[in-house]
Amino acid sequence: MNRGFTLVELLVTIAVLGLLAGTAVAGSGRDQAHLELEVALRRLRIGLDRGRLAAERQQQPCGLQLSARGWQAPSDAALPACPAVTPLAETGASAISLRSNLPPLVRFTANGLLLDGGVVVLAHPRLPQRPCLVIGLPLGITRSGTYQAPLEERLSATHCRPADAA
C-alpha cells in the first residue's frame, strides 16, 4: 500500500523548515553586522597609521578629520591633509554609527607623532556590543575593546575595556 504524507504532516514540516530558515537568516544578519564593525574598527586604525606614516614620509605636519564616513581630509585649511583618507566601510552605505571625543582636526607632526587623542565608539543597530578604540599620545598607540558605558554620557577611555575583561 502506497501511503504518502498527510496534509498536516506536510504543513508541520514546512513550518519547521521556515523557522530554521528564519533563524539562519537572522543569525547571518548579526554575523554580517559584527563583521562590518570589525572592518570599521580595523579601518580606523589603518587610517591613523597611514596619517602618521604620511607625515613622517613627507617630513611635513598634516591632519585628518574623523567623520561618520571615516577618516577624511580636513574641512579647514589649518594643516595640509594627510593622504590617508580611509572610509569606514568598503561600500558607501553602512548602518554603523560613530561617536568620538576627538577634536575636529587630528594633527600629526613632521616626525609622525600624534598631537591629539581620544576615544572612538562604533555601534550597529543589530548588535548590543559597541567596539571602541582609544588613541593615545604621542605615538598614536591604540587599544581596542568594548565600550561599557551608556553613549549618552561623556566618552572616557576608562570605559573601553578589553573584550576578555567585559
N, C-alpha and C. Protein backbone atom coordinates (compact mmCIF):
# COMPACT_ATOMS: atom_id res chain seq x y z
N MET A 1 0.83 -1.17 0.00
CA MET A 1 0.00 0.00 0.00
C MET A 1 0.89 1.25 0.00
N ASN A 2 0.69 2.11 -1.00
CA ASN A 2 1.44 3.36 -1.07
C ASN A 2 0.77 4.39 -0.21
N ARG A 3 1.49 4.80 0.81
CA ARG A 3 0.93 5.79 1.71
C ARG A 3 1.82 7.02 1.67
N GLY A 4 1.28 8.16 1.37
CA GLY A 4 2.04 9.40 1.32
C GLY A 4 1.91 10.16 2.62
N PHE A 5 2.34 11.39 2.59
CA PHE A 5 2.23 12.25 3.77
C PHE A 5 0.85 12.87 3.82
N THR A 6 0.38 13.08 5.04
CA THR A 6 -0.90 13.76 5.20
C THR A 6 -0.67 15.26 5.09
N LEU A 7 -1.75 15.98 4.90
CA LEU A 7 -1.67 17.44 4.79
C LEU A 7 -1.09 18.06 6.06
N VAL A 8 -1.47 17.52 7.21
CA VAL A 8 -0.98 18.03 8.49
C VAL A 8 0.53 17.82 8.60
N GLU A 9 1.01 16.65 8.21
CA GLU A 9 2.45 16.37 8.27
C GLU A 9 3.22 17.32 7.36
N LEU A 10 2.70 17.57 6.18
CA LEU A 10 3.36 18.50 5.26
C LEU A 10 3.39 19.92 5.82
N LEU A 11 2.30 20.37 6.40
CA LEU A 11 2.24 21.72 6.98
C LEU A 11 3.21 21.87 8.15
N VAL A 12 3.29 20.84 9.00
CA VAL A 12 4.22 20.89 10.13
C VAL A 12 5.66 20.92 9.62
N THR A 13 5.97 20.12 8.61
CA THR A 13 7.33 20.10 8.04
C THR A 13 7.69 21.45 7.44
N ILE A 14 6.76 22.05 6.72
CA ILE A 14 7.03 23.37 6.11
C ILE A 14 7.21 24.42 7.20
N ALA A 15 6.42 24.37 8.25
CA ALA A 15 6.55 25.33 9.35
C ALA A 15 7.91 25.20 10.03
N VAL A 16 8.36 23.97 10.29
CA VAL A 16 9.66 23.75 10.94
C VAL A 16 10.78 24.24 10.02
N LEU A 17 10.70 23.93 8.74
CA LEU A 17 11.73 24.41 7.81
C LEU A 17 11.74 25.94 7.73
N GLY A 18 10.58 26.56 7.78
CA GLY A 18 10.50 28.02 7.78
C GLY A 18 11.15 28.63 9.00
N LEU A 19 10.92 28.03 10.17
CA LEU A 19 11.57 28.50 11.40
C LEU A 19 13.08 28.37 11.33
N LEU A 20 13.55 27.24 10.83
CA LEU A 20 15.00 27.03 10.71
C LEU A 20 15.61 28.03 9.73
N ALA A 21 14.95 28.27 8.62
CA ALA A 21 15.46 29.23 7.65
C ALA A 21 15.46 30.64 8.23
N GLY A 22 14.42 31.00 8.97
CA GLY A 22 14.36 32.32 9.60
C GLY A 22 15.46 32.53 10.61
N THR A 23 15.76 31.49 11.37
CA THR A 23 16.85 31.56 12.35
C THR A 23 18.19 31.73 11.65
N ALA A 24 18.39 31.01 10.56
CA ALA A 24 19.65 31.12 9.82
C ALA A 24 19.83 32.52 9.24
N VAL A 25 18.76 33.09 8.71
CA VAL A 25 18.85 34.43 8.13
C VAL A 25 19.12 35.46 9.22
N ALA A 26 18.44 35.36 10.36
CA ALA A 26 18.66 36.32 11.45
C ALA A 26 20.09 36.20 11.98
N GLY A 27 20.59 34.99 12.11
CA GLY A 27 21.96 34.78 12.59
C GLY A 27 22.98 35.34 11.62
N SER A 28 22.73 35.16 10.31
CA SER A 28 23.69 35.67 9.34
C SER A 28 23.67 37.19 9.31
N GLY A 29 22.52 37.81 9.59
CA GLY A 29 22.45 39.27 9.67
C GLY A 29 23.29 39.80 10.82
N ARG A 30 23.25 39.12 11.96
CA ARG A 30 24.09 39.53 13.10
C ARG A 30 25.56 39.31 12.79
N ASP A 31 25.85 38.19 12.12
CA ASP A 31 27.24 37.94 11.73
C ASP A 31 27.75 39.01 10.79
N GLN A 32 26.91 39.41 9.85
CA GLN A 32 27.29 40.46 8.90
C GLN A 32 27.52 41.78 9.64
N ALA A 33 26.65 42.11 10.59
CA ALA A 33 26.81 43.35 11.36
C ALA A 33 28.10 43.31 12.18
N HIS A 34 28.39 42.16 12.79
CA HIS A 34 29.62 42.01 13.57
C HIS A 34 30.84 42.19 12.67
N LEU A 35 30.80 41.62 11.48
CA LEU A 35 31.90 41.76 10.53
C LEU A 35 32.07 43.21 10.11
N GLU A 36 30.96 43.91 9.87
CA GLU A 36 31.03 45.33 9.50
C GLU A 36 31.72 46.15 10.59
N LEU A 37 31.39 45.86 11.85
CA LEU A 37 32.03 46.59 12.96
C LEU A 37 33.52 46.29 13.04
N GLU A 38 33.90 45.02 12.86
CA GLU A 38 35.32 44.65 12.89
C GLU A 38 36.09 45.37 11.79
N VAL A 39 35.52 45.39 10.60
CA VAL A 39 36.19 46.05 9.47
C VAL A 39 36.31 47.55 9.73
N ALA A 40 35.26 48.17 10.24
CA ALA A 40 35.30 49.61 10.53
C ALA A 40 36.37 49.93 11.57
N LEU A 41 36.48 49.11 12.61
CA LEU A 41 37.50 49.33 13.64
C LEU A 41 38.90 49.20 13.04
N ARG A 42 39.08 48.19 12.21
CA ARG A 42 40.38 48.00 11.55
C ARG A 42 40.70 49.18 10.64
N ARG A 43 39.71 49.70 9.93
CA ARG A 43 39.94 50.83 9.04
C ARG A 43 40.27 52.11 9.82
N LEU A 44 39.72 52.26 11.02
CA LEU A 44 40.09 53.41 11.85
C LEU A 44 41.56 53.35 12.20
N ARG A 45 42.03 52.17 12.59
CA ARG A 45 43.45 52.01 12.92
C ARG A 45 44.34 52.23 11.71
N ILE A 46 43.93 51.68 10.57
CA ILE A 46 44.73 51.83 9.35
C ILE A 46 44.84 53.30 8.96
N GLY A 47 43.75 54.04 9.02
CA GLY A 47 43.78 55.46 8.68
C GLY A 47 44.71 56.24 9.58
N LEU A 48 44.68 55.91 10.86
CA LEU A 48 45.56 56.57 11.82
C LEU A 48 47.03 56.26 11.50
N ASP A 49 47.32 55.01 11.23
CA ASP A 49 48.70 54.63 10.89
C ASP A 49 49.15 55.27 9.58
N ARG A 50 48.25 55.33 8.62
CA ARG A 50 48.60 55.97 7.34
C ARG A 50 48.89 57.45 7.52
N GLY A 51 48.11 58.12 8.37
CA GLY A 51 48.36 59.53 8.64
C GLY A 51 49.74 59.75 9.25
N ARG A 52 50.09 58.92 10.24
CA ARG A 52 51.41 59.03 10.88
C ARG A 52 52.52 58.80 9.87
N LEU A 53 52.39 57.75 9.06
CA LEU A 53 53.42 57.43 8.08
C LEU A 53 53.55 58.50 7.01
N ALA A 54 52.41 59.06 6.59
CA ALA A 54 52.44 60.11 5.56
C ALA A 54 53.17 61.35 6.08
N ALA A 55 52.88 61.75 7.30
CA ALA A 55 53.55 62.93 7.88
C ALA A 55 55.04 62.68 7.99
N GLU A 56 55.40 61.50 8.44
CA GLU A 56 56.83 61.17 8.60
C GLU A 56 57.53 61.08 7.24
N ARG A 57 56.88 60.45 6.29
CA ARG A 57 57.49 60.28 4.96
C ARG A 57 57.67 61.62 4.26
N GLN A 58 56.69 62.52 4.39
CA GLN A 58 56.76 63.82 3.73
C GLN A 58 57.54 64.85 4.55
N GLN A 59 57.89 64.47 5.80
CA GLN A 59 58.59 65.40 6.70
C GLN A 59 57.83 66.72 6.81
N GLN A 60 56.50 66.59 6.92
CA GLN A 60 55.65 67.77 6.99
C GLN A 60 54.42 67.44 7.85
N PRO A 61 54.03 68.35 8.75
CA PRO A 61 52.82 68.09 9.53
C PRO A 61 51.59 68.03 8.62
N CYS A 62 50.62 67.24 9.03
CA CYS A 62 49.38 67.13 8.28
C CYS A 62 48.25 66.78 9.24
N GLY A 63 47.05 66.77 8.74
CA GLY A 63 45.91 66.49 9.60
C GLY A 63 44.84 65.66 8.91
N LEU A 64 44.00 65.05 9.74
CA LEU A 64 42.85 64.29 9.27
C LEU A 64 41.65 64.66 10.12
N GLN A 65 40.49 64.44 9.57
CA GLN A 65 39.24 64.69 10.28
C GLN A 65 38.46 63.38 10.31
N LEU A 66 37.94 63.02 11.48
CA LEU A 66 37.13 61.82 11.60
C LEU A 66 35.66 62.20 11.49
N SER A 67 34.99 61.60 10.51
CA SER A 67 33.56 61.85 10.32
C SER A 67 32.82 60.51 10.40
N ALA A 68 31.53 60.55 10.23
CA ALA A 68 30.73 59.33 10.26
C ALA A 68 31.11 58.38 9.12
N ARG A 69 31.75 58.90 8.09
CA ARG A 69 32.18 58.08 6.96
C ARG A 69 33.59 57.53 7.13
N GLY A 70 34.36 58.02 8.13
CA GLY A 70 35.73 57.56 8.33
C GLY A 70 36.70 58.73 8.32
N TRP A 71 37.97 58.43 8.09
CA TRP A 71 39.00 59.48 8.04
C TRP A 71 38.86 60.25 6.74
N GLN A 72 38.79 61.58 6.86
CA GLN A 72 38.59 62.46 5.72
C GLN A 72 39.65 63.55 5.74
N ALA A 73 39.80 64.22 4.60
CA ALA A 73 40.63 65.41 4.55
C ALA A 73 39.96 66.48 5.41
N PRO A 74 40.74 67.28 6.15
CA PRO A 74 40.13 68.31 7.00
C PRO A 74 39.34 69.32 6.18
N SER A 75 38.25 69.78 6.78
CA SER A 75 37.40 70.75 6.07
C SER A 75 38.01 72.15 6.08
N ASP A 76 38.84 72.45 7.09
CA ASP A 76 39.52 73.75 7.08
C ASP A 76 40.96 73.55 6.59
N ALA A 77 41.62 74.63 6.26
CA ALA A 77 42.96 74.56 5.69
C ALA A 77 44.03 74.89 6.71
N ALA A 78 43.80 74.60 8.00
CA ALA A 78 44.79 74.89 9.02
C ALA A 78 46.07 74.07 8.80
N LEU A 79 45.90 72.86 8.31
CA LEU A 79 47.03 71.98 8.00
C LEU A 79 46.74 71.27 6.68
N PRO A 80 47.79 70.92 5.94
CA PRO A 80 47.52 70.12 4.74
C PRO A 80 46.96 68.75 5.15
N ALA A 81 46.16 68.19 4.28
CA ALA A 81 45.56 66.88 4.55
C ALA A 81 46.60 65.79 4.40
N CYS A 82 46.59 64.85 5.32
CA CYS A 82 47.42 63.65 5.17
C CYS A 82 46.78 62.81 4.06
N PRO A 83 47.59 62.26 3.17
CA PRO A 83 46.99 61.42 2.13
C PRO A 83 46.62 60.05 2.71
N ALA A 84 45.69 60.04 3.64
CA ALA A 84 45.33 58.81 4.34
C ALA A 84 43.83 58.67 4.49
N VAL A 85 43.08 59.23 3.56
CA VAL A 85 41.63 59.16 3.63
C VAL A 85 41.21 57.68 3.60
N THR A 86 40.51 57.25 4.64
CA THR A 86 40.10 55.85 4.77
C THR A 86 38.64 55.80 5.21
N PRO A 87 37.75 55.33 4.33
CA PRO A 87 36.35 55.21 4.72
C PRO A 87 36.15 54.07 5.71
N LEU A 88 35.07 54.14 6.50
CA LEU A 88 34.77 53.08 7.47
C LEU A 88 34.31 51.79 6.79
N ALA A 89 33.61 51.92 5.67
CA ALA A 89 33.06 50.75 5.00
C ALA A 89 33.53 50.70 3.56
N GLU A 90 33.62 49.48 3.02
CA GLU A 90 34.00 49.30 1.62
C GLU A 90 33.03 50.01 0.70
N THR A 91 31.76 49.81 0.97
CA THR A 91 30.73 50.42 0.14
C THR A 91 30.26 51.70 0.83
N GLY A 92 29.57 52.53 0.10
CA GLY A 92 29.14 53.81 0.63
C GLY A 92 28.17 53.74 1.80
N ALA A 93 27.15 52.90 1.72
CA ALA A 93 26.11 52.87 2.75
C ALA A 93 26.49 51.88 3.86
N SER A 94 26.29 52.31 5.10
CA SER A 94 26.57 51.45 6.24
C SER A 94 25.66 51.86 7.39
N ALA A 95 25.26 50.88 8.19
CA ALA A 95 24.40 51.16 9.34
C ALA A 95 25.22 51.50 10.58
N ILE A 96 26.52 51.54 10.46
CA ILE A 96 27.39 51.81 11.60
C ILE A 96 27.31 53.28 11.99
N SER A 97 27.18 53.52 13.28
CA SER A 97 27.25 54.89 13.79
C SER A 97 28.54 55.04 14.58
N LEU A 98 29.05 56.26 14.60
CA LEU A 98 30.33 56.55 15.22
C LEU A 98 30.16 57.69 16.20
N ARG A 99 30.76 57.55 17.37
CA ARG A 99 30.78 58.64 18.35
C ARG A 99 32.22 58.79 18.81
N SER A 100 32.68 60.02 18.96
CA SER A 100 34.08 60.26 19.28
C SER A 100 34.23 61.54 20.10
N ASN A 101 35.30 61.58 20.89
CA ASN A 101 35.65 62.83 21.57
C ASN A 101 36.95 63.39 21.02
N LEU A 102 37.32 62.96 19.81
CA LEU A 102 38.49 63.53 19.15
C LEU A 102 38.18 64.97 18.73
N PRO A 103 39.20 65.81 18.66
CA PRO A 103 38.95 67.18 18.16
C PRO A 103 38.62 67.13 16.66
N PRO A 104 38.08 68.22 16.12
CA PRO A 104 37.71 68.24 14.70
C PRO A 104 38.90 67.96 13.77
N LEU A 105 40.09 68.33 14.20
CA LEU A 105 41.29 68.09 13.39
C LEU A 105 42.28 67.27 14.21
N VAL A 106 42.60 66.09 13.72
CA VAL A 106 43.62 65.25 14.35
C VAL A 106 44.93 65.56 13.64
N ARG A 107 45.90 66.05 14.44
CA ARG A 107 47.15 66.56 13.86
C ARG A 107 48.31 65.60 14.05
N PHE A 108 49.15 65.54 13.02
CA PHE A 108 50.36 64.73 13.04
C PHE A 108 51.55 65.64 12.83
N THR A 109 52.63 65.44 13.59
CA THR A 109 53.84 66.24 13.43
C THR A 109 54.66 65.71 12.26
N ALA A 110 55.67 66.47 11.86
CA ALA A 110 56.52 66.08 10.74
C ALA A 110 57.28 64.78 11.01
N ASN A 111 57.46 64.43 12.28
CA ASN A 111 58.15 63.16 12.58
C ASN A 111 57.15 62.04 12.91
N GLY A 112 55.87 62.24 12.61
CA GLY A 112 54.88 61.20 12.75
C GLY A 112 54.24 61.06 14.11
N LEU A 113 54.48 62.01 15.00
CA LEU A 113 53.84 61.95 16.31
C LEU A 113 52.43 62.52 16.23
N LEU A 114 51.59 62.04 17.09
CA LEU A 114 50.19 62.45 17.13
C LEU A 114 50.02 63.52 18.20
N LEU A 115 49.33 64.60 17.87
CA LEU A 115 49.12 65.68 18.82
C LEU A 115 47.74 65.64 19.48
N ASP A 116 46.87 64.77 19.00
CA ASP A 116 45.51 64.71 19.53
C ASP A 116 45.11 63.25 19.75
N GLY A 117 44.42 63.01 20.84
CA GLY A 117 43.96 61.65 21.14
C GLY A 117 42.55 61.67 21.67
N GLY A 118 42.03 60.49 21.89
CA GLY A 118 40.67 60.38 22.40
C GLY A 118 40.12 58.98 22.26
N VAL A 119 38.80 58.89 22.28
CA VAL A 119 38.10 57.61 22.21
C VAL A 119 37.12 57.67 21.04
N VAL A 120 37.03 56.55 20.32
CA VAL A 120 36.05 56.40 19.25
C VAL A 120 35.23 55.16 19.57
N VAL A 121 33.90 55.29 19.51
CA VAL A 121 33.00 54.17 19.79
C VAL A 121 32.13 53.94 18.55
N LEU A 122 32.06 52.68 18.13
CA LEU A 122 31.24 52.30 16.98
C LEU A 122 30.01 51.54 17.48
N ALA A 123 28.92 51.63 16.75
CA ALA A 123 27.71 50.90 17.12
C ALA A 123 26.98 50.47 15.86
N HIS A 124 26.25 49.37 15.98
CA HIS A 124 25.41 48.87 14.89
C HIS A 124 24.04 48.58 15.48
N PRO A 125 22.96 48.95 14.82
CA PRO A 125 21.63 48.76 15.40
C PRO A 125 21.26 47.30 15.69
N ARG A 126 21.90 46.35 15.03
CA ARG A 126 21.58 44.94 15.25
C ARG A 126 22.35 44.31 16.41
N LEU A 127 23.34 45.02 16.95
CA LEU A 127 24.21 44.42 17.96
C LEU A 127 24.25 45.23 19.24
N PRO A 128 24.29 44.56 20.40
CA PRO A 128 24.41 45.29 21.66
C PRO A 128 25.86 45.72 21.94
N GLN A 129 26.84 44.99 21.38
CA GLN A 129 28.25 45.33 21.63
C GLN A 129 28.62 46.60 20.89
N ARG A 130 29.47 47.40 21.55
CA ARG A 130 29.95 48.63 20.95
C ARG A 130 31.47 48.63 21.01
N PRO A 131 32.14 48.26 19.91
CA PRO A 131 33.59 48.28 19.91
C PRO A 131 34.11 49.71 20.07
N CYS A 132 35.25 49.83 20.73
CA CYS A 132 35.83 51.15 20.95
C CYS A 132 37.32 51.11 20.65
N LEU A 133 37.86 52.28 20.40
CA LEU A 133 39.27 52.44 20.10
C LEU A 133 39.78 53.63 20.89
N VAL A 134 40.84 53.43 21.65
CA VAL A 134 41.47 54.51 22.42
C VAL A 134 42.74 54.90 21.69
N ILE A 135 42.86 56.19 21.37
CA ILE A 135 44.02 56.71 20.65
C ILE A 135 44.83 57.53 21.63
N GLY A 136 46.04 57.05 21.94
CA GLY A 136 46.88 57.69 22.94
C GLY A 136 47.99 58.53 22.30
N LEU A 137 48.50 59.45 23.08
CA LEU A 137 49.56 60.34 22.63
C LEU A 137 50.91 59.85 23.13
N PRO A 138 52.00 60.19 22.54
CA PRO A 138 52.18 60.89 21.27
C PRO A 138 52.35 59.94 20.08
N LEU A 139 52.43 58.65 20.34
CA LEU A 139 52.71 57.72 19.26
C LEU A 139 51.46 57.21 18.55
N GLY A 140 50.30 57.62 19.01
CA GLY A 140 49.08 57.15 18.38
C GLY A 140 48.80 55.70 18.71
N ILE A 141 49.38 55.24 19.81
CA ILE A 141 49.18 53.85 20.20
C ILE A 141 47.71 53.66 20.53
N THR A 142 47.15 52.62 19.97
CA THR A 142 45.74 52.38 20.17
C THR A 142 45.52 51.08 20.92
N ARG A 143 44.40 51.03 21.59
CA ARG A 143 43.92 49.77 22.16
C ARG A 143 42.44 49.72 21.88
N SER A 144 41.96 48.54 21.69
CA SER A 144 40.54 48.42 21.39
C SER A 144 39.88 47.52 22.41
N GLY A 145 38.58 47.59 22.45
CA GLY A 145 37.81 46.79 23.39
C GLY A 145 36.34 47.00 23.15
N THR A 146 35.56 46.82 24.20
CA THR A 146 34.12 47.01 24.15
C THR A 146 33.76 48.14 25.11
N TYR A 147 32.96 49.08 24.63
CA TYR A 147 32.60 50.22 25.46
C TYR A 147 31.54 49.80 26.46
N GLN A 148 31.79 50.09 27.74
CA GLN A 148 30.96 49.58 28.84
C GLN A 148 30.14 50.65 29.54
N ALA A 149 29.82 51.73 28.87
CA ALA A 149 29.01 52.79 29.50
C ALA A 149 27.99 53.29 28.48
N PRO A 150 26.94 53.93 28.94
CA PRO A 150 25.96 54.49 28.00
C PRO A 150 26.61 55.55 27.11
N LEU A 151 26.22 55.56 25.85
CA LEU A 151 26.79 56.52 24.90
C LEU A 151 26.32 57.94 25.15
N GLU A 152 25.26 58.10 25.93
CA GLU A 152 24.77 59.44 26.24
C GLU A 152 25.72 60.16 27.19
N GLU A 153 26.48 59.41 27.96
CA GLU A 153 27.44 60.02 28.90
C GLU A 153 28.67 60.50 28.13
N ARG A 154 29.46 61.30 28.79
CA ARG A 154 30.72 61.78 28.23
C ARG A 154 31.64 60.59 27.99
N LEU A 155 32.24 60.50 26.81
CA LEU A 155 33.12 59.37 26.49
C LEU A 155 34.38 59.41 27.34
N SER A 156 34.82 58.23 27.76
CA SER A 156 36.02 58.12 28.57
C SER A 156 36.78 56.84 28.21
N ALA A 157 38.10 56.94 28.15
CA ALA A 157 38.94 55.78 27.82
C ALA A 157 38.80 54.67 28.87
N THR A 158 38.44 55.03 30.10
CA THR A 158 38.32 54.01 31.15
C THR A 158 37.15 53.06 30.90
N HIS A 159 36.20 53.47 30.07
CA HIS A 159 35.05 52.61 29.77
C HIS A 159 35.30 51.70 28.57
N CYS A 160 36.43 51.84 27.92
CA CYS A 160 36.80 50.97 26.79
C CYS A 160 37.61 49.82 27.37
N ARG A 161 36.93 48.74 27.64
CA ARG A 161 37.55 47.59 28.31
C ARG A 161 37.92 46.51 27.31
N PRO A 162 39.04 45.83 27.50
CA PRO A 162 39.38 44.72 26.60
C PRO A 162 38.25 43.71 26.57
N ALA A 163 38.08 43.07 25.43
CA ALA A 163 36.95 42.16 25.22
C ALA A 163 36.90 41.04 26.26
N ASP A 164 38.04 40.51 26.68
CA ASP A 164 38.05 39.42 27.65
C ASP A 164 37.77 39.88 29.06
N ALA A 165 37.83 41.21 29.33
CA ALA A 165 37.58 41.73 30.68
C ALA A 165 36.13 42.18 30.86
N ALA A 166 35.34 42.06 29.80
CA ALA A 166 33.95 42.51 29.88
C ALA A 166 33.18 41.62 30.75
